C-alpha cells in the first residue's frame, strides 16, 4: 500500500515537472533579431545583374567557382542554389615544432591546425524579369590534428566579395556571348 502511494506521488510530480518544462516560452526574442551588421553583410554579399537568363548566370557562377578551385557539392538549378567547397592543408611547420617542443619540455599536448574547408553558397533571385540578384556567402572551418573543429566562421572581407563579383561579371559576359 505504501509503495503504491509513493508511485502515485512520483507519477504526479513527474507529470507536473514535465508540464513546467514544456511550458517554456521557446526561442528567446533576441535570437530572432538581426544584428546591425547583417544588413551590411548582406549588401557586401549581393550583386544585381542586368539579365533575365538565370540559367546562364548559374552556369557562369558554377564555372567561376570551379575555376577558383571549388568543387560543386550540391546544386538545385530550379531553386537557383549552388553549394561548393574547397579543402586545403593549413599545417604550419612553426605550429608543429611548437607543439612538439611543448610536449617534450613541459609534457603538455598542444594540437595544431591541419585542415581547412572553405564553403561557398550561392543563391540567385529573379527581381523584376530583367534583373537577377546573386548572393554568395563564404565560410571557413578549420580542424586540428585530433580532427576536432576549432574554427567555424563566416568570411566577411569586402575584397573577397568584390573580387568574386568582378570575376563573375566577366564570366557572365563570356557565357552570354558563348566565348
C-alpha atoms as a PDB file:
ATOM      1  CA  UNK A   1       0.000   0.000   0.000  1.00  0.00           C
ATOM      2  CA  UNK A   2       2.838   2.386   0.882  1.00  0.00           C
ATOM      3  CA  UNK A   3       4.654   1.619  -2.388  1.00  0.00           C
ATOM      4  CA  UNK A   4       1.519   2.439  -4.320  1.00  0.00           C
ATOM      5  CA  UNK A   5       1.272   5.880  -2.656  1.00  0.00           C
ATOM      6  CA  UNK A   6       4.937   6.634  -3.392  1.00  0.00           C
ATOM      7  CA  UNK A   7       4.485   5.576  -7.015  1.00  0.00           C
ATOM      8  CA  UNK A   8       1.385   7.739  -7.330  1.00  0.00           C
ATOM      9  CA  UNK A   9       3.231  10.786  -5.910  1.00  0.00           C
ATOM     10  CA  UNK A  10       6.172  10.095  -8.250  1.00  0.00           C
ATOM     11  CA  UNK A  11       3.885   9.984 -11.298  1.00  0.00           C
ATOM     12  CA  UNK A  12       2.103  13.201 -10.274  1.00  0.00           C
ATOM     13  CA  UNK A  13       5.416  15.033  -9.646  1.00  0.00           C
ATOM     14  CA  UNK A  14       6.844  13.771 -12.926  1.00  0.00           C
ATOM     15  CA  UNK A  15       3.760  14.997 -14.762  1.00  0.00           C
ATOM     16  CA  UNK A  16       3.970  18.445 -13.087  1.00  0.00           C
ATOM     17  CA  UNK A  17       7.686  18.824 -13.813  1.00  0.00           C
ATOM     18  CA  UNK A  18       7.157  17.764 -17.431  1.00  0.00           C
ATOM     19  CA  UNK A  19       4.400  20.352 -17.844  1.00  0.00           C
ATOM     20  CA  UNK A  20       6.541  23.085 -16.302  1.00  0.00           C
ATOM     21  CA  UNK A  21       9.405  22.319 -18.657  1.00  0.00           C
ATOM     22  CA  UNK A  22       7.076  22.057 -21.639  1.00  0.00           C
ATOM     23  CA  UNK A  23       5.616  25.495 -20.889  1.00  0.00           C
ATOM     24  CA  UNK A  24       8.911  27.277 -21.529  1.00  0.00           C
ATOM     25  CA  UNK A  25       8.438  30.178 -23.914  1.00  0.00           C
ATOM     26  CA  UNK A  26      10.539  28.691 -26.725  1.00  0.00           C
ATOM     27  CA  UNK A  27      13.094  30.695 -28.685  1.00  0.00           C
ATOM     28  CA  UNK A  28      14.184  33.928 -26.978  1.00  0.00           C
ATOM     29  CA  UNK A  29      13.117  37.058 -28.842  1.00  0.00           C
ATOM     30  CA  UNK A  30      16.731  38.261 -29.171  1.00  0.00           C
ATOM     31  CA  UNK A  31      17.674  35.115 -31.090  1.00  0.00           C
ATOM     32  CA  UNK A  32      15.329  36.086 -33.918  1.00  0.00           C
ATOM     33  CA  UNK A  33      16.542  39.668 -34.212  1.00  0.00           C
ATOM     34  CA  UNK A  34      19.043  40.549 -36.912  1.00  0.00           C
ATOM     35  CA  UNK A  35      22.278  42.121 -35.821  1.00  0.00           C
ATOM     36  CA  UNK A  36      23.125  45.624 -37.081  1.00  0.00           C
ATOM     37  CA  UNK A  37      25.929  44.070 -39.150  1.00  0.00           C
ATOM     38  CA  UNK A  38      23.566  41.717 -41.004  1.00  0.00           C
ATOM     39  CA  UNK A  39      22.368  44.395 -43.453  1.00  0.00           C
ATOM     40  CA  UNK A  40      25.953  45.443 -44.185  1.00  0.00           C
ATOM     41  CA  UNK A  41      26.964  41.783 -44.676  1.00  0.00           C
ATOM     42  CA  UNK A  42      24.011  41.136 -47.000  1.00  0.00           C
ATOM     43  CA  UNK A  43      24.906  44.189 -49.111  1.00  0.00           C
ATOM     44  CA  UNK A  44      28.520  43.013 -49.291  1.00  0.00           C
ATOM     45  CA  UNK A  45      27.428  39.515 -50.381  1.00  0.00           C
ATOM     46  CA  UNK A  46      24.844  40.538 -53.013  1.00  0.00           C
ATOM     47  CA  UNK A  47      25.038  41.997 -56.514  1.00  0.00           C
ATOM     48  CA  UNK A  48      22.351  42.575 -59.116  1.00  0.00           C
ATOM     49  CA  UNK A  49      22.955  41.532 -62.728  1.00  0.00           C
ATOM     50  CA  UNK A  50      21.100  43.026 -65.670  1.00  0.00           C
ATOM     51  CA  UNK A  51      19.935  39.773 -67.234  1.00  0.00           C
ATOM     52  CA  UNK A  52      16.831  37.660 -67.350  1.00  0.00           C
ATOM     53  CA  UNK A  53      18.644  34.383 -68.044  1.00  0.00           C
ATOM     54  CA  UNK A  54      19.050  32.755 -64.655  1.00  0.00           C
ATOM     55  CA  UNK A  55      20.381  29.509 -66.158  1.00  0.00           C
ATOM     56  CA  UNK A  56      23.305  31.277 -67.864  1.00  0.00           C
ATOM     57  CA  UNK A  57      24.008  33.198 -64.660  1.00  0.00           C
ATOM     58  CA  UNK A  58      24.081  29.938 -62.677  1.00  0.00           C
ATOM     59  CA  UNK A  59      26.285  28.292 -65.320  1.00  0.00           C
ATOM     60  CA  UNK A  60      28.721  31.222 -65.171  1.00  0.00           C
ATOM     61  CA  UNK A  61      28.697  31.067 -61.357  1.00  0.00           C
ATOM     62  CA  UNK A  62      29.378  27.326 -61.284  1.00  0.00           C
ATOM     63  CA  UNK A  63      32.184  27.690 -63.831  1.00  0.00           C
ATOM     64  CA  UNK A  64      33.772  30.516 -61.827  1.00  0.00           C
ATOM     65  CA  UNK A  65      33.590  28.555 -58.571  1.00  0.00           C
ATOM     66  CA  UNK A  66      35.278  25.600 -60.267  1.00  0.00           C
ATOM     67  CA  UNK A  67      37.944  27.903 -61.740  1.00  0.00           C
ATOM     68  CA  UNK A  68      38.603  29.139 -58.195  1.00  0.00           C
ATOM     69  CA  UNK A  69      39.242  25.558 -57.054  1.00  0.00           C
ATOM     70  CA  UNK A  70      35.844  24.801 -55.545  1.00  0.00           C
ATOM     71  CA  UNK A  71      34.056  21.510 -56.008  1.00  0.00           C
ATOM     72  CA  UNK A  72      30.315  21.750 -56.607  1.00  0.00           C
ATOM     73  CA  UNK A  73      28.828  19.721 -53.759  1.00  0.00           C
ATOM     74  CA  UNK A  74      25.161  20.371 -54.464  1.00  0.00           C
ATOM     75  CA  UNK A  75      23.163  22.363 -56.938  1.00  0.00           C
ATOM     76  CA  UNK A  76      19.482  22.902 -57.428  1.00  0.00           C
ATOM     77  CA  UNK A  77      19.185  24.882 -60.620  1.00  0.00           C
ATOM     78  CA  UNK A  78      15.401  25.158 -60.320  1.00  0.00           C
ATOM     79  CA  UNK A  79      15.801  26.917 -56.981  1.00  0.00           C
ATOM     80  CA  UNK A  80      18.872  28.898 -58.013  1.00  0.00           C
ATOM     81  CA  UNK A  81      21.224  27.331 -55.456  1.00  0.00           C
ATOM     82  CA  UNK A  82      24.852  26.184 -55.713  1.00  0.00           C
ATOM     83  CA  UNK A  83      26.803  24.869 -52.722  1.00  0.00           C
ATOM     84  CA  UNK A  84      30.523  24.272 -53.143  1.00  0.00           C
ATOM     85  CA  UNK A  85      33.630  23.679 -51.065  1.00  0.00           C
ATOM     86  CA  UNK A  86      37.388  23.742 -51.259  1.00  0.00           C
ATOM     87  CA  UNK A  87      39.762  21.850 -48.950  1.00  0.00           C
ATOM     88  CA  UNK A  88      43.333  22.752 -48.171  1.00  0.00           C
ATOM     89  CA  UNK A  89      46.083  21.766 -45.798  1.00  0.00           C
ATOM     90  CA  UNK A  90      46.849  24.538 -43.286  1.00  0.00           C
ATOM     91  CA  UNK A  91      49.546  22.761 -41.290  1.00  0.00           C
ATOM     92  CA  UNK A  92      52.335  25.188 -40.463  1.00  0.00           C
ATOM     93  CA  UNK A  93      55.824  23.987 -39.573  1.00  0.00           C
ATOM     94  CA  UNK A  94      56.096  26.512 -36.740  1.00  0.00           C
ATOM     95  CA  UNK A  95      52.967  25.176 -35.044  1.00  0.00           C
ATOM     96  CA  UNK A  96      54.164  21.579 -35.375  1.00  0.00           C
ATOM     97  CA  UNK A  97      57.564  22.480 -33.882  1.00  0.00           C
ATOM     98  CA  UNK A  98      55.930  24.436 -31.056  1.00  0.00           C
ATOM     99  CA  UNK A  99      53.589  21.530 -30.311  1.00  0.00           C
ATOM    100  CA  UNK A 100      56.491  19.074 -30.218  1.00  0.00           C
ATOM    101  CA  UNK A 101      58.574  21.399 -28.023  1.00  0.00           C
ATOM    102  CA  UNK A 102      55.731  21.831 -25.540  1.00  0.00           C
ATOM    103  CA  UNK A 103      55.261  18.073 -25.406  1.00  0.00           C
ATOM    104  CA  UNK A 104      58.962  17.354 -24.833  1.00  0.00           C
ATOM    105  CA  UNK A 105      59.817  20.221 -22.488  1.00  0.00           C
ATOM    106  CA  UNK A 106      56.636  20.608 -20.466  1.00  0.00           C
ATOM    107  CA  UNK A 107      54.724  17.418 -21.124  1.00  0.00           C
ATOM    108  CA  UNK A 108      51.814  19.492 -22.466  1.00  0.00           C
ATOM    109  CA  UNK A 109      49.886  18.320 -25.507  1.00  0.00           C
ATOM    110  CA  UNK A 110      49.012  21.163 -27.871  1.00  0.00           C
ATOM    111  CA  UNK A 111      47.080  20.178 -31.034  1.00  0.00           C
ATOM    112  CA  UNK A 112      47.696  22.253 -34.157  1.00  0.00           C
ATOM    113  CA  UNK A 113      45.515  23.133 -37.147  1.00  0.00           C
ATOM    114  CA  UNK A 114      45.754  20.777 -40.116  1.00  0.00           C
ATOM    115  CA  UNK A 115      42.735  21.067 -42.428  1.00  0.00           C
ATOM    116  CA  UNK A 116      40.596  23.930 -43.697  1.00  0.00           C
ATOM    117  CA  UNK A 117      37.365  23.738 -45.661  1.00  0.00           C
ATOM    118  CA  UNK A 118      36.063  26.877 -47.350  1.00  0.00           C
ATOM    119  CA  UNK A 119      32.355  26.715 -48.152  1.00  0.00           C
ATOM    120  CA  UNK A 120      30.699  28.898 -50.765  1.00  0.00           C
ATOM    121  CA  UNK A 121      26.911  29.048 -51.007  1.00  0.00           C
ATOM    122  CA  UNK A 122      25.414  30.925 -53.936  1.00  0.00           C
ATOM    123  CA  UNK A 123      21.735  31.807 -54.375  1.00  0.00           C
ATOM    124  CA  UNK A 124      20.059  33.628 -57.248  1.00  0.00           C
ATOM    125  CA  UNK A 125      16.772  35.504 -57.034  1.00  0.00           C
ATOM    126  CA  UNK A 126      14.913  36.982 -60.008  1.00  0.00           C
ATOM    127  CA  UNK A 127      13.838  40.541 -59.264  1.00  0.00           C
ATOM    128  CA  UNK A 128      11.641  42.054 -61.985  1.00  0.00           C
ATOM    129  CA  UNK A 129      12.035  39.917 -65.102  1.00  0.00           C
ATOM    130  CA  UNK A 130      15.072  41.890 -66.260  1.00  0.00           C
ATOM    131  CA  UNK A 131      17.423  41.605 -63.304  1.00  0.00           C
ATOM    132  CA  UNK A 132      18.673  38.832 -61.046  1.00  0.00           C
ATOM    133  CA  UNK A 133      20.214  39.212 -57.603  1.00  0.00           C
ATOM    134  CA  UNK A 134      23.113  36.924 -56.761  1.00  0.00           C
ATOM    135  CA  UNK A 135      24.159  36.384 -53.175  1.00  0.00           C
ATOM    136  CA  UNK A 136      27.207  34.375 -52.193  1.00  0.00           C
ATOM    137  CA  UNK A 137      28.437  33.638 -48.696  1.00  0.00           C
ATOM    138  CA  UNK A 138      31.829  32.262 -47.782  1.00  0.00           C
ATOM    139  CA  UNK A 139      32.564  30.395 -44.585  1.00  0.00           C
ATOM    140  CA  UNK A 140      35.639  28.591 -43.376  1.00  0.00           C
ATOM    141  CA  UNK A 141      36.054  25.727 -40.974  1.00  0.00           C
ATOM    142  CA  UNK A 142      39.367  24.550 -39.510  1.00  0.00           C
ATOM    143  CA  UNK A 143      40.126  21.190 -37.886  1.00  0.00           C
ATOM    144  CA  UNK A 144      43.101  20.303 -35.729  1.00  0.00           C
ATOM    145  CA  UNK A 145      45.308  17.213 -35.747  1.00  0.00           C
ATOM    146  CA  UNK A 146      42.731  15.473 -33.497  1.00  0.00           C
ATOM    147  CA  UNK A 147      40.027  16.063 -36.153  1.00  0.00           C
ATOM    148  CA  UNK A 148      38.212  18.490 -33.862  1.00  0.00           C
ATOM    149  CA  UNK A 149      36.596  21.586 -35.317  1.00  0.00           C
ATOM    150  CA  UNK A 150      38.481  24.561 -33.875  1.00  0.00           C
ATOM    151  CA  UNK A 151      37.139  27.383 -36.064  1.00  0.00           C
ATOM    152  CA  UNK A 152      33.864  27.907 -37.873  1.00  0.00           C
ATOM    153  CA  UNK A 153      33.166  31.420 -39.045  1.00  0.00           C
ATOM    154  CA  UNK A 154      31.830  33.497 -41.884  1.00  0.00           C
ATOM    155  CA  UNK A 155      34.258  35.321 -44.128  1.00  0.00           C
ATOM    156  CA  UNK A 156      33.234  38.977 -44.388  1.00  0.00           C
ATOM    157  CA  UNK A 157      36.223  40.589 -46.071  1.00  0.00           C
ATOM    158  CA  UNK A 158      34.977  43.023 -48.693  1.00  0.00           C
ATOM    159  CA  UNK A 159      37.953  42.380 -51.018  1.00  0.00           C
ATOM    160  CA  UNK A 160      36.987  38.718 -51.400  1.00  0.00           C
ATOM    161  CA  UNK A 161      33.410  39.568 -52.407  1.00  0.00           C
ATOM    162  CA  UNK A 162      34.483  42.403 -54.709  1.00  0.00           C
ATOM    163  CA  UNK A 163      36.949  40.107 -56.459  1.00  0.00           C
ATOM    164  CA  UNK A 164      34.375  37.323 -56.785  1.00  0.00           C
ATOM    165  CA  UNK A 165      31.711  39.598 -58.292  1.00  0.00           C
ATOM    166  CA  UNK A 166      34.239  41.217 -60.613  1.00  0.00           C
ATOM    167  CA  UNK A 167      35.197  37.790 -61.946  1.00  0.00           C
ATOM    168  CA  UNK A 168      31.542  36.740 -62.106  1.00  0.00           C
ATOM    169  CA  UNK A 169      30.735  39.788 -64.254  1.00  0.00           C
ATOM    170  CA  UNK A 170      33.443  38.733 -66.714  1.00  0.00           C
ATOM    171  CA  UNK A 171      32.272  35.117 -66.603  1.00  0.00           C
ATOM    172  CA  UNK A 172      28.660  36.166 -67.282  1.00  0.00           C
ATOM    173  CA  UNK A 173      29.864  38.158 -70.286  1.00  0.00           C
ATOM    174  CA  UNK A 174      31.798  35.143 -71.627  1.00  0.00           C
ATOM    175  CA  UNK A 175      28.912  32.730 -71.114  1.00  0.00           C
ATOM    176  CA  UNK A 176      26.372  35.168 -72.603  1.00  0.00           C
ATOM    177  CA  UNK A 177      28.498  35.582 -75.731  1.00  0.00           C
ATOM    178  CA  UNK A 178      29.427  31.889 -75.809  1.00  0.00           C
ATOM    179  CA  UNK A 179      33.140  32.658 -75.758  1.00  0.00           C
END
